[in-house]
Amino acid sequence: MAFFSNFSGDFAPLFHLLDDYDVHQAYRPRPRTTPVRSFTPRFDVYELNNNYHLNGELPGVNQASLDIEFTDPHTLVIKGHVERKYSDSTSNTNEQAEVPNDASSVKPLQPTVEDEGEEASDAASAQSSKQVALQEQTKPHYKYWITERPVGEFHRAFTFPTRVDQDTVKATLKDGILSVIVPKEPAPTLKKIRVE
């Protein structure tokens, strides 16, 4: 005696339909747009009597790609981007020395009446193909084994509980650490007006 009657037989068409949908989704072409990578930098924020201190880790950021601005009297926004740049320490000077210069390798054309147009176009196409091949040889091709460094766009917003003095904010970027000192605005004092 079976605990379940022919369970798979009743729902087999439904399962086949779901499988067909899954296969269709897997083979559907997707656009080749590169997503914008983003990350959130880590900050330490602490408060003293007269100001707030923000210290954030921003390795690889240069000052030109960093923006710090106030969006309202209480909110400071830090945003920017980090690019991955490598310089190839081993130059391809040996390969470049073996490849002849394109201008010197092209033989001068012999003047003939009937074949002049074909030879000129053949020489031009050969010259352009050599230039493309030379550019591909000199362009470095990297094979990344691990990419752990944050790259891309970043954005952080900090909202302060009290009003801050936006005109005297100081920011420094040294050794990959962004330090921002945000002075508090002095508490307004009551000024009594004497009636005469």
C-alpha atoms as a PDB file:
ATOM      1  CA  MET A   1       0.000   0.000   0.000  1.00  0.00           C
ATOM      2  CA  ALA A   2       1.441   3.390  -1.005  1.00  0.00           C
ATOM      3  CA  PHE A   3       1.149   6.416   1.191  1.00  0.00           C
ATOM      4  CA  PHE A   4       0.895   8.701  -1.816  1.00  0.00           C
ATOM      5  CA  SER A   5      -1.151   7.962  -4.869  1.00  0.00           C
ATOM      6  CA  ASN A   6       0.432   8.623  -8.269  1.00  0.00           C
ATOM      7  CA  PHE A   7       1.521  12.114  -7.228  1.00  0.00           C
ATOM      8  CA  SER A   8       4.050  12.821  -9.961  1.00  0.00           C
ATOM      9  CA  GLY A   9       1.713  11.785 -12.754  1.00  0.00           C
ATOM     10  CA  ASP A  10      -0.895  14.440 -11.925  1.00  0.00           C
ATOM     11  CA  PHE A  11       1.562  17.305 -11.760  1.00  0.00           C
ATOM     12  CA  ALA A  12       4.018  16.227 -14.460  1.00  0.00           C
ATOM     13  CA  PRO A  13       2.717  18.758 -17.048  1.00  0.00           C
ATOM     14  CA  LEU A  14       3.105  21.563 -14.504  1.00  0.00           C
ATOM     15  CA  PHE A  15       6.683  20.532 -13.708  1.00  0.00           C
ATOM     16  CA  HIS A  16       7.509  20.386 -17.434  1.00  0.00           C
ATOM     17  CA  LEU A  17       6.107  23.893 -17.869  1.00  0.00           C
ATOM     18  CA  LEU A  18       8.242  25.224 -15.007  1.00  0.00           C
ATOM     19  CA  ASP A  19      11.334  23.487 -16.418  1.00  0.00           C
ATOM     20  CA  ASP A  20      10.711  25.015 -19.848  1.00  0.00           C
ATOM     21  CA  TYR A  21      10.403  28.481 -18.291  1.00  0.00           C
ATOM     22  CA  ASP A  22      13.662  28.002 -16.368  1.00  0.00           C
ATOM     23  CA  VAL A  23      15.519  26.875 -19.492  1.00  0.00           C
ATOM     24  CA  HIS A  24      14.105  29.819 -21.448  1.00  0.00           C
ATOM     25  CA  GLN A  25      15.259  32.285 -18.757  1.00  0.00           C
ATOM     26  CA  ALA A  26      18.751  30.767 -18.632  1.00  0.00           C
ATOM     27  CA  TYR A  27      19.348  31.176 -22.368  1.00  0.00           C
ATOM     28  CA  ARG A  28      17.779  34.593 -22.788  1.00  0.00           C
ATOM     29  CA  PRO A  29      20.348  37.134 -24.003  1.00  0.00           C
ATOM     30  CA  ARG A  30      21.190  39.793 -21.479  1.00  0.00           C
ATOM     31  CA  PRO A  31      22.432  43.283 -22.301  1.00  0.00           C
ATOM     32  CA  ARG A  32      26.207  43.737 -22.201  1.00  0.00           C
ATOM     33  CA  THR A  33      26.185  46.850 -20.047  1.00  0.00           C
ATOM     34  CA  THR A  34      28.785  46.924 -17.344  1.00  0.00           C
ATOM     35  CA  PRO A  35      27.220  47.613 -13.966  1.00  0.00           C
ATOM     36  CA  VAL A  36      28.632  50.514 -12.004  1.00  0.00           C
ATOM     37  CA  ARG A  37      30.459  49.070  -9.062  1.00  0.00           C
ATOM     38  CA  SER A  38      30.001  50.816  -5.770  1.00  0.00           C
ATOM     39  CA  PHE A  39      31.204  50.346  -2.238  1.00  0.00           C
ATOM     40  CA  THR A  40      30.746  51.930   1.154  1.00  0.00           C
ATOM     41  CA  PRO A  41      33.928  53.172   2.829  1.00  0.00           C
ATOM     42  CA  ARG A  42      34.300  52.636   6.566  1.00  0.00           C
ATOM     43  CA  PHE A  43      34.410  55.649   8.861  1.00  0.00           C
ATOM     44  CA  ASP A  44      35.058  56.287  12.525  1.00  0.00           C
ATOM     45  CA  VAL A  45      32.961  59.185  13.823  1.00  0.00           C
ATOM     46  CA  TYR A  46      33.446  60.681  17.260  1.00  0.00           C
ATOM     47  CA  GLU A  47      32.370  63.830  19.026  1.00  0.00           C
ATOM     48  CA  LEU A  48      34.358  66.230  21.158  1.00  0.00           C
ATOM     49  CA  ASN A  49      33.128  69.294  23.022  1.00  0.00           C
ATOM     50  CA  ASN A  50      33.444  71.685  20.086  1.00  0.00           C
ATOM     51  CA  ASN A  51      33.496  69.504  16.976  1.00  0.00           C
ATOM     52  CA  TYR A  52      32.905  66.165  15.265  1.00  0.00           C
ATOM     53  CA  HIS A  53      35.727  64.065  13.792  1.00  0.00           C
ATOM     54  CA  LEU A  54      35.284  61.715  10.836  1.00  0.00           C
ATOM     55  CA  ASN A  55      38.127  59.392   9.843  1.00  0.00           C
ATOM     56  CA  GLY A  56      37.507  57.196   6.837  1.00  0.00           C
ATOM     57  CA  GLU A  57      39.477  54.591   4.910  1.00  0.00           C
ATOM     58  CA  LEU A  58      39.749  55.612   1.259  1.00  0.00           C
ATOM     59  CA  PRO A  59      42.736  53.744  -0.207  1.00  0.00           C
ATOM     60  CA  GLY A  60      43.565  54.667  -3.774  1.00  0.00           C
ATOM     61  CA  VAL A  61      41.486  57.857  -3.804  1.00  0.00           C
ATOM     62  CA  ASN A  62      43.112  61.023  -5.047  1.00  0.00           C
ATOM     63  CA  GLN A  63      41.893  64.472  -4.090  1.00  0.00           C
ATOM     64  CA  ALA A  64      40.560  65.267  -7.567  1.00  0.00           C
ATOM     65  CA  SER A  65      38.050  62.412  -7.431  1.00  0.00           C
ATOM     66  CA  LEU A  66      36.715  63.283  -3.976  1.00  0.00           C
ATOM     67  CA  ASP A  67      33.758  65.598  -3.234  1.00  0.00           C
ATOM     68  CA  ILE A  68      32.682  66.778   0.214  1.00  0.00           C
ATOM     69  CA  GLU A  69      29.596  68.961   0.472  1.00  0.00           C
ATOM     70  CA  PHE A  70      26.696  69.897   2.715  1.00  0.00           C
ATOM     71  CA  THR A  71      23.232  69.092   1.422  1.00  0.00           C
ATOM     72  CA  ASP A  72      21.471  70.807   4.338  1.00  0.00           C
ATOM     73  CA  PRO A  73      22.537  72.457   7.646  1.00  0.00           C
ATOM     74  CA  HIS A  74      22.920  69.049   9.360  1.00  0.00           C
ATOM     75  CA  THR A  75      24.037  66.640   6.593  1.00  0.00           C
ATOM     76  CA  LEU A  76      27.540  66.182   5.204  1.00  0.00           C
ATOM     77  CA  VAL A  77      27.973  64.062   2.040  1.00  0.00           C
ATOM     78  CA  ILE A  78      31.277  62.469   1.005  1.00  0.00           C
ATOM     79  CA  LYS A  79      31.362  60.921  -2.455  1.00  0.00           C
ATOM     80  CA  GLY A  80      33.812  60.064  -5.181  1.00  0.00           C
ATOM     81  CA  HIS A  81      35.288  57.198  -7.130  1.00  0.00           C
ATOM     82  CA  VAL A  82      38.289  54.896  -7.052  1.00  0.00           C
ATOM     83  CA  GLU A  83      39.925  53.547 -10.202  1.00  0.00           C
ATOM     84  CA  ARG A  84      42.202  50.571 -10.475  1.00  0.00           C
ATOM     85  CA  LYS A  85      45.385  51.519 -12.286  1.00  0.00           C
ATOM     86  CA  TYR A  86      48.447  49.384 -12.695  1.00  0.00           C
ATOM     87  CA  SER A  87      51.721  50.208 -14.344  1.00  0.00           C
ATOM     88  CA  ASP A  88      53.491  47.401 -16.133  1.00  0.00           C
ATOM     89  CA  SER A  89      56.929  47.117 -14.538  1.00  0.00           C
ATOM     90  CA  THR A  90      58.257  44.852 -17.302  1.00  0.00           C
ATOM     91  CA  SER A  91      58.277  46.831 -20.490  1.00  0.00           C
ATOM     92  CA  ASN A  92      57.926  45.242 -23.894  1.00  0.00           C
ATOM     93  CA  THR A  93      61.059  46.885 -25.260  1.00  0.00           C
ATOM     94  CA  ASN A  94      62.465  43.622 -26.600  1.00  0.00           C
ATOM     95  CA  GLU A  95      59.279  42.863 -28.531  1.00  0.00           C
ATOM     96  CA  GLN A  96      59.070  46.389 -29.858  1.00  0.00           C
ATOM     97  CA  ALA A  97      62.677  46.319 -31.047  1.00  0.00           C
ATOM     98  CA  GLU A  98      62.037  43.149 -33.061  1.00  0.00           C
ATOM     99  CA  VAL A  99      58.966  44.562 -34.823  1.00  0.00           C
ATOM    100  CA  PRO A 100      60.066  46.721 -37.746  1.00  0.00           C
ATOM    101  CA  ASN A 101      58.757  50.237 -38.119  1.00  0.00           C
ATOM    102  CA  ASP A 102      55.698  50.311 -40.395  1.00  0.00           C
ATOM    103  CA  ALA A 103      56.974  53.218 -42.502  1.00  0.00           C
ATOM    104  CA  SER A 104      60.288  51.519 -43.276  1.00  0.00           C
ATOM    105  CA  SER A 105      58.801  48.071 -43.905  1.00  0.00           C
ATOM    106  CA  VAL A 106      56.461  49.209 -46.711  1.00  0.00           C
ATOM    107  CA  LYS A 107      58.161  48.818 -50.061  1.00  0.00           C
ATOM    108  CA  PRO A 108      57.830  51.680 -52.501  1.00  0.00           C
ATOM    109  CA  LEU A 109      55.309  51.038 -55.253  1.00  0.00           C
ATOM    110  CA  GLN A 110      56.483  50.530 -58.791  1.00  0.00           C
ATOM    111  CA  PRO A 111      54.556  52.721 -61.202  1.00  0.00           C
ATOM    112  CA  THR A 112      52.299  50.693 -63.452  1.00  0.00           C
ATOM    113  CA  VAL A 113      49.130  51.682 -65.164  1.00  0.00           C
ATOM    114  CA  GLU A 114      46.745  48.807 -64.513  1.00  0.00           C
ATOM    115  CA  ASP A 115      47.693  47.616 -60.989  1.00  0.00           C
ATOM    116  CA  GLU A 116      48.299  50.909 -59.207  1.00  0.00           C
ATOM    117  CA  GLY A 117      44.933  51.065 -57.396  1.00  0.00           C
ATOM    118  CA  GLU A 118      45.038  47.458 -56.163  1.00  0.00           C
ATOM    119  CA  GLU A 119      48.597  47.621 -54.857  1.00  0.00           C
ATOM    120  CA  ALA A 120      47.955  50.901 -53.048  1.00  0.00           C
ATOM    121  CA  SER A 121      44.876  49.504 -51.314  1.00  0.00           C
ATOM    122  CA  ASP A 122      46.713  46.251 -50.483  1.00  0.00           C
ATOM    123  CA  ALA A 123      49.634  48.210 -48.988  1.00  0.00           C
ATOM    124  CA  ALA A 124      47.286  50.436 -46.969  1.00  0.00           C
ATOM    125  CA  SER A 125      45.376  47.452 -45.580  1.00  0.00           C
ATOM    126  CA  ALA A 126      48.612  45.628 -44.745  1.00  0.00           C
ATOM    127  CA  GLN A 127      49.927  48.733 -42.971  1.00  0.00           C
ATOM    128  CA  SER A 128      46.722  49.161 -40.923  1.00  0.00           C
ATOM    129  CA  SER A 129      46.674  45.463 -39.971  1.00  0.00           C
ATOM    130  CA  LYS A 130      50.293  45.713 -38.774  1.00  0.00           C
ATOM    131  CA  GLN A 131      49.411  48.781 -36.675  1.00  0.00           C
ATOM    132  CA  VAL A 132      46.485  46.945 -35.066  1.00  0.00           C
ATOM    133  CA  ALA A 133      48.680  43.925 -34.338  1.00  0.00           C
ATOM    134  CA  LEU A 134      51.370  46.164 -32.817  1.00  0.00           C
ATOM    135  CA  GLN A 135      48.794  47.912 -30.597  1.00  0.00           C
ATOM    136  CA  GLU A 136      47.425  44.571 -29.396  1.00  0.00           C
ATOM    137  CA  GLN A 137      50.954  43.413 -28.538  1.00  0.00           C
ATOM    138  CA  THR A 138      51.760  46.527 -26.510  1.00  0.00           C
ATOM    139  CA  LYS A 139      48.420  46.590 -24.632  1.00  0.00           C
ATOM    140  CA  PRO A 140      48.850  44.731 -21.308  1.00  0.00           C
ATOM    141  CA  HIS A 141      46.413  41.923 -20.649  1.00  0.00           C
ATOM    142  CA  TYR A 142      45.834  41.191 -16.964  1.00  0.00           C
ATOM    143  CA  LYS A 143      44.504  38.004 -15.485  1.00  0.00           C
ATOM    144  CA  TYR A 144      43.177  38.788 -12.020  1.00  0.00           C
ATOM    145  CA  TRP A 145      43.374  35.994  -9.515  1.00  0.00           C
ATOM    146  CA  ILE A 146      41.801  37.915  -6.648  1.00  0.00           C
ATOM    147  CA  THR A 147      40.251  41.394  -6.605  1.00  0.00           C
ATOM    148  CA  GLU A 148      39.640  42.470  -3.029  1.00  0.00           C
ATOM    149  CA  ARG A 149      40.321  46.185  -3.240  1.00  0.00           C
ATOM    150  CA  PRO A 150      37.245  48.389  -3.417  1.00  0.00           C
ATOM    151  CA  VAL A 151      36.866  50.137  -6.762  1.00  0.00           C
ATOM    152  CA  GLY A 152      34.043  52.161  -8.251  1.00  0.00           C
ATOM    153  CA  GLU A 153      31.771  54.849  -6.895  1.00  0.00           C
ATOM    154  CA  PHE A 154      31.245  55.537  -3.204  1.00  0.00           C
ATOM    155  CA  HIS A 155      28.830  57.747  -1.290  1.00  0.00           C
ATOM    156  CA  ARG A 156      28.420  58.374   2.431  1.00  0.00           C
ATOM    157  CA  ALA A 157      26.113  60.813   4.191  1.00  0.00           C
ATOM    158  CA  PHE A 158      26.495  61.883   7.815  1.00  0.00           C
ATOM    159  CA  THR A 159      23.724  63.692   9.686  1.00  0.00           C
ATOM    160  CA  PHE A 160      24.743  65.611  12.781  1.00  0.00           C
ATOM    161  CA  PRO A 161      22.322  66.115  15.688  1.00  0.00           C
ATOM    162  CA  THR A 162      23.263  69.774  16.159  1.00  0.00           C
ATOM    163  CA  ARG A 163      23.953  72.626  13.771  1.00  0.00           C
ATOM    164  CA  VAL A 164      27.510  72.754  12.452  1.00  0.00           C
ATOM    165  CA  ASP A 165      29.672  75.586  11.218  1.00  0.00           C
ATOM    166  CA  GLN A 166      29.962  74.776   7.509  1.00  0.00           C
ATOM    167  CA  ASP A 167      32.447  77.553   6.763  1.00  0.00           C
ATOM    168  CA  THR A 168      35.232  76.230   9.016  1.00  0.00           C
ATOM    169  CA  VAL A 169      35.184  72.520   8.103  1.00  0.00           C
ATOM    170  CA  LYS A 170      38.683  71.097   7.472  1.00  0.00           C
ATOM    171  CA  ALA A 171      39.430  67.954   5.489  1.00  0.00           C
ATOM    172  CA  THR A 172      42.758  66.225   4.852  1.00  0.00           C
ATOM    173  CA  LEU A 173      43.605  63.106   2.849  1.00  0.00           C
ATOM    174  CA  LYS A 174      46.842  61.424   3.888  1.00  0.00           C
ATOM    175  CA  ASP A 175      47.976  57.822   3.387  1.00  0.00           C
ATOM    176  CA  GLY A 176      44.492  56.700   2.341  1.00  0.00           C
ATOM    177  CA  ILE A 177      42.790  58.147   5.433  1.00  0.00           C
ATOM    178  CA  LEU A 178      40.330  60.997   5.015  1.00  0.00           C
ATOM    179  CA  SER A 179      40.061  63.124   8.156  1.00  0.00           C
ATOM    180  CA  VAL A 180      37.252  65.652   8.380  1.00  0.00           C
ATOM    181  CA  ILE A 181      36.836  68.017  11.321  1.00  0.00           C
ATOM    182  CA  VAL A 182      33.378  69.553  11.523  1.00  0.00           C
ATOM    183  CA  PRO A 183      33.109  72.311  14.170  1.00  0.00           C
ATOM    184  CA  LYS A 184      29.860  72.669  16.038  1.00  0.00           C
ATOM    185  CA  GLU A 185      28.057  75.938  15.687  1.00  0.00           C
ATOM    186  CA  PRO A 186      28.080  77.769  19.020  1.00  0.00           C
ATOM    187  CA  ALA A 187      24.805  77.692  20.862  1.00  0.00           C
ATOM    188  CA  PRO A 188      22.859  80.864  20.335  1.00  0.00           C
ATOM    189  CA  THR A 189      22.913  83.100  23.360  1.00  0.00           C
ATOM    190  CA  LEU A 190      19.903  85.008  24.445  1.00  0.00           C
ATOM    191  CA  LYS A 191      20.352  88.675  24.049  1.00  0.00           C
ATOM    192  CA  LYS A 192      18.155  90.828  26.169  1.00  0.00           C
ATOM    193  CA  ILE A 193      17.029  94.100  24.794  1.00  0.00           C
ATOM    194  CA  ARG A 194      16.564  96.783  27.315  1.00  0.00           C
ATOM    195  CA  VAL A 195      13.452  98.819  26.898  1.00  0.00           C
ATOM    196  CA  GLU A 196      13.904 102.538  27.440  1.00  0.00           C
END
